[in-house]
Protein backbone atom coordinates (compact mmCIF):
# COMPACT_ATOMS: atom_id res chain seq x y z
CA MET A 1 240.66 -14.95 -61.05
CA ALA A 2 242.85 -17.59 -59.50
CA GLN A 3 245.65 -19.47 -61.18
CA GLY A 4 244.62 -22.16 -63.55
CA GLY A 5 241.58 -20.21 -64.79
CA LYS A 6 239.46 -21.16 -61.79
CA ILE A 7 237.01 -18.68 -60.37
CA ASP A 8 238.02 -17.18 -57.05
CA LEU A 9 234.88 -16.13 -55.23
CA ARG A 10 236.88 -14.09 -52.75
CA SER A 11 238.39 -12.05 -55.55
CA ILE A 12 234.97 -11.50 -57.08
CA LEU A 13 233.60 -10.33 -53.74
CA GLN A 14 236.53 -7.97 -53.33
CA LEU A 15 235.96 -6.67 -56.84
CA ALA A 16 232.26 -6.15 -56.12
CA ARG A 17 233.07 -4.34 -52.88
CA ARG A 18 235.60 -2.16 -54.63
CA ARG A 19 233.28 -1.32 -57.60
CA LYS A 20 229.98 -1.39 -55.71
CA LEU A 21 228.88 1.99 -56.98
CA PHE A 22 228.96 0.75 -60.59
CA LEU A 23 226.80 -2.24 -59.60
CA ILE A 24 224.27 -0.14 -57.67
CA ILE A 25 223.91 3.16 -59.49
CA PRO A 26 223.10 1.91 -63.06
CA PRO A 27 220.34 -0.50 -61.94
CA LEU A 28 218.98 2.14 -59.60
CA VAL A 29 218.90 4.74 -62.34
CA ALA A 30 217.28 2.25 -64.76
CA VAL A 31 214.60 1.32 -62.22
CA LEU A 32 213.89 4.99 -61.49
CA GLY A 33 213.60 5.65 -65.21
CA ALA A 34 211.29 2.66 -65.61
CA MET A 35 209.11 3.83 -62.75
CA TYR A 36 208.90 7.27 -64.31
CA ARG A 37 207.93 5.70 -67.63
CA ILE A 38 205.29 3.59 -65.94
CA SER A 39 203.91 6.60 -64.10
CA THR A 40 203.56 8.54 -67.34
CA MET A 41 202.00 5.65 -69.32
CA GLU A 42 198.28 5.67 -69.99
CA PRO A 43 196.59 2.68 -68.34
CA THR A 44 195.65 -0.22 -70.63
CA TYR A 45 192.61 -2.41 -69.97
CA ARG A 46 192.02 -5.97 -71.14
CA SER A 47 188.70 -7.67 -71.81
CA ARG A 48 188.48 -11.42 -72.38
CA THR A 49 185.85 -13.95 -73.44
CA THR A 50 185.78 -17.72 -74.04
CA ILE A 51 183.59 -19.46 -76.62
CA LEU A 52 182.74 -23.16 -76.42
CA ILE A 53 182.55 -24.68 -79.91
CA ASP A 54 181.05 -27.82 -81.44
CA GLN A 55 179.68 -29.52 -78.32
CA GLY A 56 176.26 -30.51 -79.65
CA ARG A 57 177.23 -33.18 -82.13
CA ASP A 58 176.66 -36.11 -79.75
CA MET A 59 172.91 -35.66 -79.99
CA LEU A 60 173.10 -35.93 -83.77
CA LYS A 61 175.23 -39.09 -83.50
CA GLU A 62 172.64 -40.68 -81.26
CA MET A 63 169.98 -39.88 -83.86
CA SER A 64 171.87 -41.61 -86.67
CA ASN A 65 169.23 -44.33 -86.76
CA VAL A 66 166.59 -41.81 -87.91
CA LEU A 67 168.85 -39.27 -89.57
CA PRO A 68 170.67 -40.50 -92.70
CA ASN A 69 174.36 -39.57 -92.36
CA ALA A 70 173.57 -37.58 -89.23
CA ASP A 71 177.11 -37.46 -87.90
CA GLY A 72 178.56 -36.61 -91.31
CA GLY A 73 181.49 -38.90 -90.63
CA LYS A 74 184.00 -38.28 -87.86
CA THR A 75 183.45 -35.12 -85.87
CA ALA A 76 186.12 -32.60 -86.65
CA ARG A 77 188.58 -32.11 -83.82
CA MET A 78 189.37 -28.69 -82.51
CA ARG A 79 192.93 -28.76 -83.78
CA ASP A 80 191.60 -29.42 -87.27
CA MET A 81 189.28 -26.42 -86.94
CA VAL A 82 191.78 -23.95 -85.50
CA GLU A 83 192.87 -22.46 -88.79
CA ASP A 84 189.31 -22.15 -90.08
CA ILE A 85 188.04 -20.55 -86.88
CA GLN A 86 190.97 -18.13 -86.75
CA LYS A 87 190.39 -17.10 -90.36
CA GLN A 88 186.73 -16.53 -89.58
CA LEU A 89 187.50 -14.44 -86.49
CA LEU A 90 189.98 -12.32 -88.46
CA SER A 91 187.89 -12.11 -91.61
CA VAL A 92 186.85 -8.78 -93.08
CA GLU A 93 183.21 -9.87 -92.89
CA ILE A 94 183.17 -10.44 -89.13
CA LEU A 95 185.48 -7.57 -88.17
CA GLY A 96 183.58 -5.22 -90.48
CA LYS A 97 180.38 -6.03 -88.60
CA VAL A 98 182.25 -5.50 -85.33
CA VAL A 99 183.38 -2.04 -86.50
CA ASP A 100 179.78 -1.14 -87.32
CA ARG A 101 178.38 -2.59 -84.13
CA VAL A 102 180.76 -0.82 -81.74
CA GLN A 103 180.72 2.34 -83.89
CA LEU A 104 184.50 2.46 -83.88
CA LYS A 105 185.85 5.94 -84.49
CA ALA A 106 188.79 6.59 -86.78
CA SER A 107 191.95 7.93 -85.18
CA ALA A 108 193.72 11.06 -86.35
CA ALA A 109 196.47 8.96 -87.94
CA MET A 110 193.87 7.00 -89.91
CA ARG A 111 192.25 10.18 -91.19
CA GLU A 112 195.61 11.57 -92.24
CA GLN A 113 196.40 8.36 -94.10
CA VAL A 114 192.99 8.43 -95.77
CA ALA A 115 193.44 12.06 -96.78
CA SER A 116 196.80 11.20 -98.33
CA THR A 117 195.26 8.25 -100.18
CA LEU A 118 192.40 10.39 -101.49
CA LYS A 119 194.89 12.84 -102.96
CA GLU A 120 196.50 10.02 -104.91
CA HIS A 121 193.20 8.31 -105.76
CA PRO A 122 190.41 10.91 -105.87
CA GLY A 123 187.84 8.32 -106.96
CA ALA A 124 188.14 6.26 -103.77
CA GLU A 125 185.45 6.43 -101.08
CA GLU A 126 186.55 7.89 -97.76
CA ALA A 127 184.22 5.72 -95.66
CA GLU A 128 185.45 2.55 -97.33
CA LEU A 129 189.10 3.50 -96.79
CA ILE A 130 188.49 4.29 -93.12
CA ARG A 131 186.64 1.02 -92.65
CA HIS A 132 189.52 -0.87 -94.29
CA LEU A 133 192.06 0.76 -91.96
CA GLN A 134 189.89 0.03 -88.91
CA VAL A 135 189.64 -3.64 -89.87
CA ASP A 136 193.42 -3.82 -90.38
CA TRP A 137 193.90 -2.19 -86.98
CA LEU A 138 191.67 -4.79 -85.33
CA ILE A 139 193.50 -7.62 -87.11
CA SER A 140 196.87 -6.34 -85.89
CA ARG A 141 195.59 -6.12 -82.31
CA LEU A 142 193.82 -9.49 -82.34
CA THR A 143 196.25 -11.74 -84.19
CA GLU A 144 198.16 -12.68 -81.03
CA LYS A 145 195.10 -12.47 -78.78
CA ILE A 146 193.22 -15.49 -80.13
CA ILE A 147 194.26 -18.52 -78.09
CA PHE A 148 193.32 -22.15 -78.77
CA PRO A 149 193.93 -24.82 -76.14
CA LYS A 150 195.89 -27.99 -76.73
CA ARG A 151 192.88 -29.90 -75.49
CA GLY A 152 189.23 -29.00 -75.43
CA ASN A 153 186.88 -27.30 -77.85
CA PHE A 154 187.00 -23.64 -76.99
CA VAL A 155 188.70 -20.46 -78.08
CA GLU A 156 189.76 -17.51 -75.91
CA ILE A 157 189.66 -13.99 -77.32
CA SER A 158 191.13 -10.96 -75.58
CA PHE A 159 191.56 -7.31 -76.54
CA GLU A 160 193.53 -4.52 -74.93
CA HIS A 161 192.79 -0.82 -75.15
CA LYS A 162 193.06 2.35 -73.13
CA ASP A 163 189.27 2.64 -73.14
CA PRO A 164 187.86 -0.20 -70.99
CA GLU A 165 184.37 0.17 -72.44
CA LEU A 166 185.67 -0.08 -76.00
CA ALA A 167 187.74 -3.16 -75.12
CA HIS A 168 184.66 -4.81 -73.63
CA ASN A 169 182.42 -3.90 -76.58
CA ILE A 170 184.91 -5.18 -79.14
CA VAL A 171 185.40 -8.55 -77.44
CA LYS A 172 181.67 -9.00 -76.86
CA SER A 173 180.84 -8.02 -80.43
CA ILE A 174 183.44 -10.41 -81.86
CA ALA A 175 181.93 -13.31 -79.91
CA ASP A 176 178.36 -12.37 -80.84
CA VAL A 177 179.11 -11.77 -84.52
CA PHE A 178 181.16 -14.99 -84.78
CA ILE A 179 178.34 -17.10 -83.31
CA GLU A 180 175.70 -15.35 -85.42
CA ASN A 181 177.77 -15.78 -88.56
CA ALA A 182 178.51 -19.45 -87.81
CA LEU A 183 174.84 -20.24 -87.23
CA LYS A 184 173.83 -18.28 -90.32
CA THR A 185 176.42 -20.11 -92.41
CA GLU A 186 175.20 -23.48 -91.14
CA SER A 187 171.60 -22.45 -91.81
CA LEU A 188 172.45 -21.36 -95.36
CA GLU A 189 174.33 -24.61 -95.97
CA MET A 190 171.35 -26.59 -94.68
CA GLN A 191 168.95 -24.53 -96.77
CA GLY A 192 171.14 -24.99 -99.84
CA THR A 193 171.29 -28.75 -99.29
CA ARG A 194 167.57 -28.88 -98.64
CA LYS A 195 166.76 -26.80 -101.71
CA PHE A 196 169.00 -29.00 -103.86
CA SER A 197 167.45 -32.18 -102.45
CA GLU A 198 163.90 -30.90 -102.92
CA GLY A 199 164.66 -29.79 -106.48
CA LYS A 200 166.16 -33.16 -107.36
CA GLU A 201 163.29 -34.90 -105.62
CA ARG A 202 160.75 -33.03 -107.76
CA GLU A 203 162.78 -33.70 -110.90
CA PHE A 204 163.09 -37.44 -110.33
CA ARG A 205 159.51 -37.70 -109.08
CA GLU A 206 158.32 -36.35 -112.43
CA GLN A 207 160.58 -38.78 -114.27
CA TYR A 208 159.39 -41.61 -112.03
CA GLU A 209 155.72 -40.78 -112.62
CA GLU A 210 156.30 -40.56 -116.37
CA ALA A 211 158.14 -43.90 -116.42
CA ARG A 212 155.46 -45.52 -114.27
CA ALA A 213 152.73 -44.15 -116.57
CA ARG A 214 154.55 -45.55 -119.62
CA LEU A 215 154.80 -48.94 -117.93
CA GLU A 216 151.12 -48.94 -116.95
CA ASN A 217 150.07 -47.91 -120.46
CA TYR A 218 152.21 -50.62 -121.98
CA LYS A 219 150.79 -53.22 -119.60
CA THR A 220 147.27 -52.03 -120.44
CA GLN A 221 148.03 -52.32 -124.13
CA LEU A 222 149.38 -55.84 -123.69
CA ALA A 223 146.38 -56.80 -121.59
CA ARG A 224 144.07 -55.40 -124.24
CA GLU A 225 145.84 -57.39 -126.91
CA GLU A 226 145.80 -60.49 -124.77
CA GLY A 227 142.12 -60.00 -124.08
CA ARG A 228 141.28 -59.55 -127.74
CA SER A 229 140.40 -62.96 -129.14
CA LEU A 230 142.15 -63.94 -132.33
CA ILE A 231 140.07 -64.94 -135.29
CA VAL A 232 142.78 -67.35 -136.40
CA ASN A 233 144.36 -69.33 -133.59
CA ALA A 234 146.14 -72.59 -133.01
CA SER A 235 142.92 -74.61 -133.11
CA ASN A 236 141.60 -73.35 -136.46
CA LEU A 237 144.91 -72.59 -138.14
CA PRO A 238 144.75 -75.73 -140.38
CA ALA A 239 141.23 -74.79 -141.50
CA ALA A 240 142.37 -71.24 -142.24
CA ASP A 241 145.29 -72.50 -144.34
CA ALA A 242 143.01 -74.88 -146.22
CA ARG A 243 140.54 -72.07 -146.88
CA LEU A 244 143.34 -69.79 -148.13
CA GLN A 245 144.50 -72.49 -150.57
CA SER A 246 140.93 -72.97 -151.78
CA LEU A 247 140.53 -69.22 -152.26
CA GLU A 248 143.76 -69.05 -154.24
CA VAL A 249 142.41 -71.74 -156.61
CA ASP A 250 139.05 -69.96 -156.94
CA ILE A 251 140.77 -66.61 -157.56
CA THR A 252 142.92 -68.12 -160.31
CA ARG A 253 139.90 -69.73 -161.94
CA GLN A 254 137.92 -66.48 -161.67
CA GLN A 255 140.76 -64.47 -163.22
CA GLN A 256 140.77 -66.84 -166.22
CA ARG A 257 137.01 -66.46 -166.65
CA LEU A 258 137.35 -62.67 -166.40
CA GLN A 259 139.97 -62.71 -169.14
CA GLU A 260 137.69 -64.82 -171.37
CA LEU A 261 134.80 -62.37 -170.93
CA ALA A 262 137.11 -59.44 -171.53
CA GLY A 263 138.20 -61.06 -174.79
CA LYS A 264 134.61 -61.36 -175.91
CA LEU A 265 133.92 -57.72 -175.10
CA GLY A 266 137.03 -56.49 -176.80
CA GLY A 267 137.87 -52.86 -176.01
CA THR A 268 134.56 -52.17 -174.25
CA ALA A 269 135.53 -54.11 -171.08
CA SER A 270 137.96 -51.49 -169.92
CA THR A 271 135.29 -48.80 -169.96
CA SER A 272 132.82 -50.72 -167.80
CA SER A 273 132.70 -49.79 -164.08
CA THR A 274 130.55 -50.72 -161.12
CA MET A 275 130.13 -47.02 -160.40
CA GLU A 276 128.37 -46.31 -163.68
CA PHE A 277 125.05 -47.97 -163.17
CA GLY A 278 122.13 -47.62 -160.74
CA ARG A 279 122.62 -49.20 -157.29
CA GLY A 280 125.75 -51.06 -158.41
CA ALA A 281 128.17 -49.09 -156.29
CA SER A 282 126.08 -49.44 -153.11
CA LEU A 283 125.55 -53.17 -153.64
CA TYR A 284 129.27 -53.60 -154.41
CA SER A 285 130.42 -52.06 -151.15
CA GLN A 286 127.85 -54.00 -149.10
CA MET A 287 128.95 -57.30 -150.61
CA LEU A 288 132.64 -56.52 -149.96
CA GLU A 289 131.84 -55.82 -146.31
CA LYS A 290 129.90 -59.09 -146.00
CA ALA A 291 132.70 -61.02 -147.74
CA GLY A 292 135.17 -59.75 -145.11
CA ARG A 293 132.74 -60.64 -142.33
CA LEU A 294 132.23 -64.08 -143.84
CA SER A 295 135.91 -64.98 -143.16
CA SER A 296 135.64 -63.90 -139.55
CA VAL A 297 132.41 -65.75 -138.81
CA ALA A 298 133.54 -68.89 -140.67
CA MET A 299 136.78 -69.08 -138.62
CA GLN A 300 135.01 -68.46 -135.31
CA GLN A 301 132.10 -70.86 -135.95
CA ASP A 302 131.83 -73.20 -138.92
CA TRP A 303 131.18 -72.97 -142.59
CA LYS A 304 127.88 -74.74 -142.00
CA SER A 305 126.77 -72.51 -139.15
CA PRO A 306 123.50 -70.50 -139.55
CA ASP A 307 125.41 -67.18 -139.49
CA VAL A 308 127.66 -68.25 -142.36
CA ILE A 309 124.70 -69.55 -144.37
CA ARG A 310 122.80 -66.29 -143.79
CA ILE A 311 125.75 -64.16 -144.93
CA LYS A 312 126.14 -66.29 -148.05
CA GLN A 313 122.42 -65.93 -148.80
CA ASP A 314 122.66 -62.16 -148.38
CA ILE A 315 125.60 -62.02 -150.75
CA ALA A 316 123.77 -64.23 -153.27
CA GLU A 317 120.64 -62.01 -153.19
CA MET A 318 122.68 -58.81 -153.59
CA ARG A 319 124.69 -60.49 -156.37
CA GLU A 320 121.48 -61.11 -158.32
CA GLN A 321 120.42 -57.51 -157.80
CA TYR A 322 123.86 -56.40 -158.94
CA ARG A 323 123.54 -58.60 -162.04
CA SER A 324 120.19 -56.98 -162.90
CA GLU A 325 121.57 -53.49 -162.45
CA ALA A 326 124.59 -54.35 -164.60
CA PHE A 327 122.39 -55.82 -167.36
CA LYS A 328 120.13 -52.77 -167.39
CA ALA A 329 123.07 -50.43 -167.66
CA ALA A 330 124.65 -52.48 -170.47
CA ALA A 331 121.35 -52.90 -172.39
CA ALA A 332 120.72 -49.19 -172.45
CA GLY A 333 123.59 -48.59 -174.91
CA SER A 334 123.98 -51.77 -177.04
CA ASN A 335 122.24 -54.86 -178.49
CA ALA A 336 121.14 -57.79 -176.30
CA GLN A 337 124.09 -60.17 -176.83
CA PRO A 338 126.89 -57.73 -175.89
CA ALA A 339 124.80 -56.43 -172.99
CA ALA A 340 124.51 -59.91 -171.47
CA THR A 341 128.24 -60.45 -171.90
CA ALA A 342 128.99 -57.07 -170.31
CA ALA A 343 126.74 -57.95 -167.38
CA GLN A 344 128.51 -61.27 -166.97
CA TYR A 345 131.84 -59.43 -167.03
CA GLN A 346 130.74 -57.10 -164.24
CA VAL A 347 129.45 -59.99 -162.14
CA ALA A 348 132.68 -61.97 -162.76
CA LYS A 349 134.70 -58.97 -161.72
CA LEU A 350 132.53 -58.66 -158.61
CA ASP A 351 133.08 -62.33 -157.76
CA LEU A 352 136.85 -61.84 -158.12
CA ASP A 353 136.80 -58.84 -155.80
CA LEU A 354 134.75 -60.77 -153.25
CA LEU A 355 137.23 -63.64 -153.32
CA ASN A 356 140.17 -61.21 -152.94
CA ARG A 357 138.45 -59.48 -150.02
CA GLU A 358 137.80 -62.79 -148.26
CA ARG A 359 141.38 -63.94 -148.90
CA ASN A 360 142.97 -60.66 -147.74
CA THR A 361 140.81 -60.60 -144.62
CA LEU A 362 141.74 -64.14 -143.74
CA LYS A 363 145.43 -63.42 -144.39
CA GLY A 364 145.21 -60.45 -142.01
CA TYR A 365 143.78 -62.67 -139.28
CA ARG A 366 146.54 -65.20 -139.83
CA THR A 367 149.19 -62.44 -139.73
CA ASP A 368 147.79 -61.23 -136.36
CA TYR A 369 148.24 -64.75 -134.99
CA GLU A 370 151.82 -65.00 -136.25
CA ARG A 371 152.72 -61.50 -135.04
CA ARG A 372 151.43 -62.20 -131.57
CA GLY A 373 153.53 -65.33 -131.33
CA THR A 374 156.74 -63.67 -132.52
CA ALA A 375 156.16 -60.40 -130.63
CA LYS A 376 155.74 -62.02 -127.20
CA PRO A 377 159.49 -62.17 -126.29
CA ALA A 378 160.03 -58.62 -127.54
CA GLN A 379 157.01 -57.43 -125.54
CA GLU A 380 158.28 -59.13 -122.40
CA ALA A 381 161.73 -57.62 -122.92
CA GLN A 382 160.22 -54.18 -123.41
CA GLU A 383 158.07 -54.56 -120.29
CA GLN A 384 161.12 -55.65 -118.28
CA LYS A 385 163.09 -52.67 -119.56
CA LEU A 386 160.31 -50.27 -118.57
CA GLN A 387 160.08 -51.94 -115.15
CA GLU A 388 163.84 -51.62 -114.60
CA LYS A 389 163.67 -47.93 -115.47
CA VAL A 390 160.85 -47.46 -112.96
CA ASN A 391 162.83 -49.31 -110.27
CA GLU A 392 165.96 -47.26 -110.98
CA LEU A 393 164.07 -43.96 -110.74
CA ALA A 394 162.28 -45.18 -107.62
CA ALA A 395 165.64 -45.90 -105.94
CA ILE A 396 167.02 -42.47 -106.89
CA LEU A 397 163.81 -40.78 -105.78
CA GLY A 398 163.95 -42.63 -102.46
CA THR A 399 167.53 -41.47 -101.93
CA PHE A 400 166.60 -37.81 -102.41
CA GLU A 401 163.48 -38.24 -100.29
CA ASP A 402 165.64 -39.60 -97.46
CA GLN A 403 168.14 -36.79 -97.97
CA THR A 404 165.41 -34.14 -97.88
CA ARG A 405 163.83 -35.70 -94.80
CA GLY A 406 167.23 -36.01 -93.11
CA THR A 407 168.13 -32.42 -93.99
CA ILE A 408 164.88 -31.13 -92.47
CA LEU A 409 165.46 -33.11 -89.28
CA LYS A 410 169.11 -32.05 -89.06
CA GLU A 411 168.09 -28.44 -89.60
CA GLU A 412 165.64 -28.70 -86.72
CA PHE A 413 168.22 -30.36 -84.48
CA ARG A 414 170.83 -27.76 -85.43
CA ARG A 415 168.40 -25.03 -84.54
CA ALA A 416 167.53 -26.74 -81.26
CA ASP A 417 171.12 -27.23 -80.05
CA ALA A 418 172.55 -24.02 -81.50
CA GLY A 419 172.98 -22.63 -77.99
CA VAL A 420 175.02 -25.67 -77.02
CA ARG A 421 177.35 -25.88 -79.99
CA PHE A 422 178.29 -22.19 -79.83
CA ARG A 423 178.15 -21.00 -76.26
CA VAL A 424 179.95 -18.18 -74.49
CA ILE A 425 181.12 -19.82 -71.27
CA ASP A 426 183.14 -16.79 -70.15
CA PRO A 427 181.31 -13.59 -71.11
CA ALA A 428 183.34 -10.53 -71.98
CA ASN A 429 184.19 -8.70 -68.78
CA ARG A 430 184.22 -4.93 -68.26
CA PRO A 431 187.79 -4.30 -67.05
CA VAL A 432 188.04 -2.16 -63.93
CA THR A 433 191.76 -2.21 -63.21
CA PRO A 434 194.46 -1.72 -65.82
CA ILE A 435 196.73 -4.60 -66.75
CA THR A 436 200.24 -4.66 -65.26
CA ASP A 437 201.90 -7.04 -67.66
CA ASP A 438 203.73 -4.24 -69.46
CA GLN A 439 204.76 -2.57 -66.20
CA ASN A 440 206.32 -5.77 -64.88
CA LYS A 441 208.13 -6.27 -68.16
CA ILE A 442 209.47 -2.72 -68.08
CA LEU A 443 210.73 -3.15 -64.50
CA LEU A 444 212.41 -6.46 -65.27
CA ILE A 445 214.05 -5.02 -68.35
CA ALA A 446 215.23 -2.01 -66.35
CA VAL A 447 216.72 -4.12 -63.55
CA PHE A 448 218.56 -6.53 -65.83
CA GLY A 449 219.55 -3.74 -68.19
CA GLY A 450 221.00 -1.68 -65.32
CA LEU A 451 222.90 -4.67 -63.96
CA GLY A 452 224.23 -5.41 -67.40
CA CYS A 453 225.45 -1.85 -67.82
CA GLY A 454 227.05 -1.89 -64.35
CA ILE A 455 228.82 -5.18 -64.94
CA GLY A 456 230.00 -3.96 -68.33
CA ALA A 457 231.39 -0.78 -66.78
CA VAL A 458 233.20 -2.79 -64.07
CA TYR A 459 234.68 -5.06 -66.71
CA LEU A 460 235.99 -2.10 -68.73
CA LEU A 461 237.48 -0.42 -65.65
CA GLU A 462 239.19 -3.63 -64.62
CA PHE A 463 240.39 -4.23 -68.14
CA PHE A 464 242.19 -0.88 -68.30
CA ASP A 465 243.39 -0.89 -64.62
CA HIS A 466 246.88 -2.50 -64.55
CA SER A 467 247.64 -1.92 -60.83
CA PHE A 468 248.20 -4.80 -58.41
CA LYS A 469 245.07 -5.76 -56.50
CA SER A 470 246.48 -8.46 -54.19
CA VAL A 471 249.71 -10.00 -52.76
CA ASP A 472 249.24 -13.01 -55.02
CA GLU A 473 249.39 -10.81 -58.11
CA ILE A 474 252.68 -9.24 -56.88
CA GLU A 475 254.28 -12.59 -56.09
CA THR A 476 253.13 -13.95 -59.42
CA PHE A 477 254.43 -10.96 -61.32
CA LEU A 478 257.83 -10.63 -59.46
CA GLY A 479 258.42 -14.29 -58.65
CA LEU A 480 259.34 -13.28 -55.05
CA ASN A 481 257.65 -13.73 -51.75
CA VAL A 482 256.12 -10.66 -50.16
CA LEU A 483 257.28 -10.18 -46.59
CA GLY A 484 254.62 -7.64 -45.59
CA THR A 485 252.07 -5.09 -46.78
CA ILE A 486 251.07 -1.63 -45.57
CA PRO A 487 247.33 -0.95 -45.74
CA ARG A 488 245.86 2.35 -46.78
CA ILE A 489 245.85 4.77 -43.85
CA GLN A 490 243.55 7.71 -43.49
CA THR A 491 245.57 10.78 -42.37
CA ALA A 492 244.33 13.45 -40.03
CA GLU A 493 243.91 15.81 -42.92
CA GLY A 494 241.59 13.34 -44.59
CA GLY A 495 244.10 12.31 -47.18
CA LYS A 496 245.12 8.77 -48.02
CA ALA A 497 248.46 7.19 -47.46
CA ASN A 498 250.25 5.83 -50.43
CA ARG A 499 250.07 2.11 -50.81
CA GLY A 500 253.39 0.43 -50.16
């Protein structure tokens, strides 16, 4: 090295010429050793395949007008799918199927490891342990051999092995099993979604039909009530009220008369009954029925109408028959005067019951009129509530119907473009020539390693060699100018002259 720490190329060249054996022999030996290692290595073969992924989604996007949520949002980019795809490719499920499909044989080391494990755990299954080791072996060989591009939607899978046929079968099986598993998973997801949608559709269809039936029944009931004419209405309400007031007066008067007759009879009045004599009971019930009908006909027509007059005549005739039957029954057990009074008491009691029946019937008709007027808002509110429930269930049912229909269409489209979305664009090749990547690496390592060793040896020799190598070193060391030098001279005897 020159003064000032600068590199002197001439000195380096002189040093290289002087120590050339140390710069030639170590690299040469390393290269020879590397070549021997390469010649003794078993050849390794590589098989490679490329799978195109997720290229059929554009068709589904174009069908978004007929398929609800056809695109499912933004299509996932390849970089977002890398981790998922890699986990699938290295999953126990896929690699286990690959092991079965290629009928991978266990190595001697695997069997030894399994035998050792069985000694420690006798209950373990040998086949399961071997399969686990084979899957782990595949994972270790494939982890660095799955390559995803920075751009594009494809994945490259390669596998290296000494058996070219095995390398080809493994790569081909991985691609086939991955595509089959992906399509199966999509199909199961579609079937699950479809099954869920169909189940919910059936559930809400039943609820919708039940709600619609309730609404129709309620409307029918309201229509029936609306269609049924009211005996008492707005037009005859004053007449009905006047009749009720008149009946109240008549009932009061009749009650007083009944009390007077009961006083005349003394204790015998309580024992008298319309059921204890002849046709009294039959006539009593017929007159009560006609008294109730009299209120209805009188409100619908007029108190002077022929129907009203006929009903009154019928009641009057039966009343006379009732009086005769009551008198006969009373006369059979007492003298004439008490018998007549007892008959009058029975007839008075009958008249009171007829008045009560007519009043109660008319009150019922008036209550129907009032109830219809007050119930109208509540009925309309109830009908609206039932209609809203039907509309709500119809909207939910329509949603699940659309989802079911969309799922069926998407399933058909998925099935149709399955070959496009998962397509092997570079089939697994059967390797014919072994790979040379390792050989080149070994040679490069040998060359640079040999040079490194040679340079290191030269450095050590120079470090421990304290002799002068040039005139400059002498002048620098002595501080004097050198007048001349004597080169090394080969003598006749083959010796070397001493350096002066």
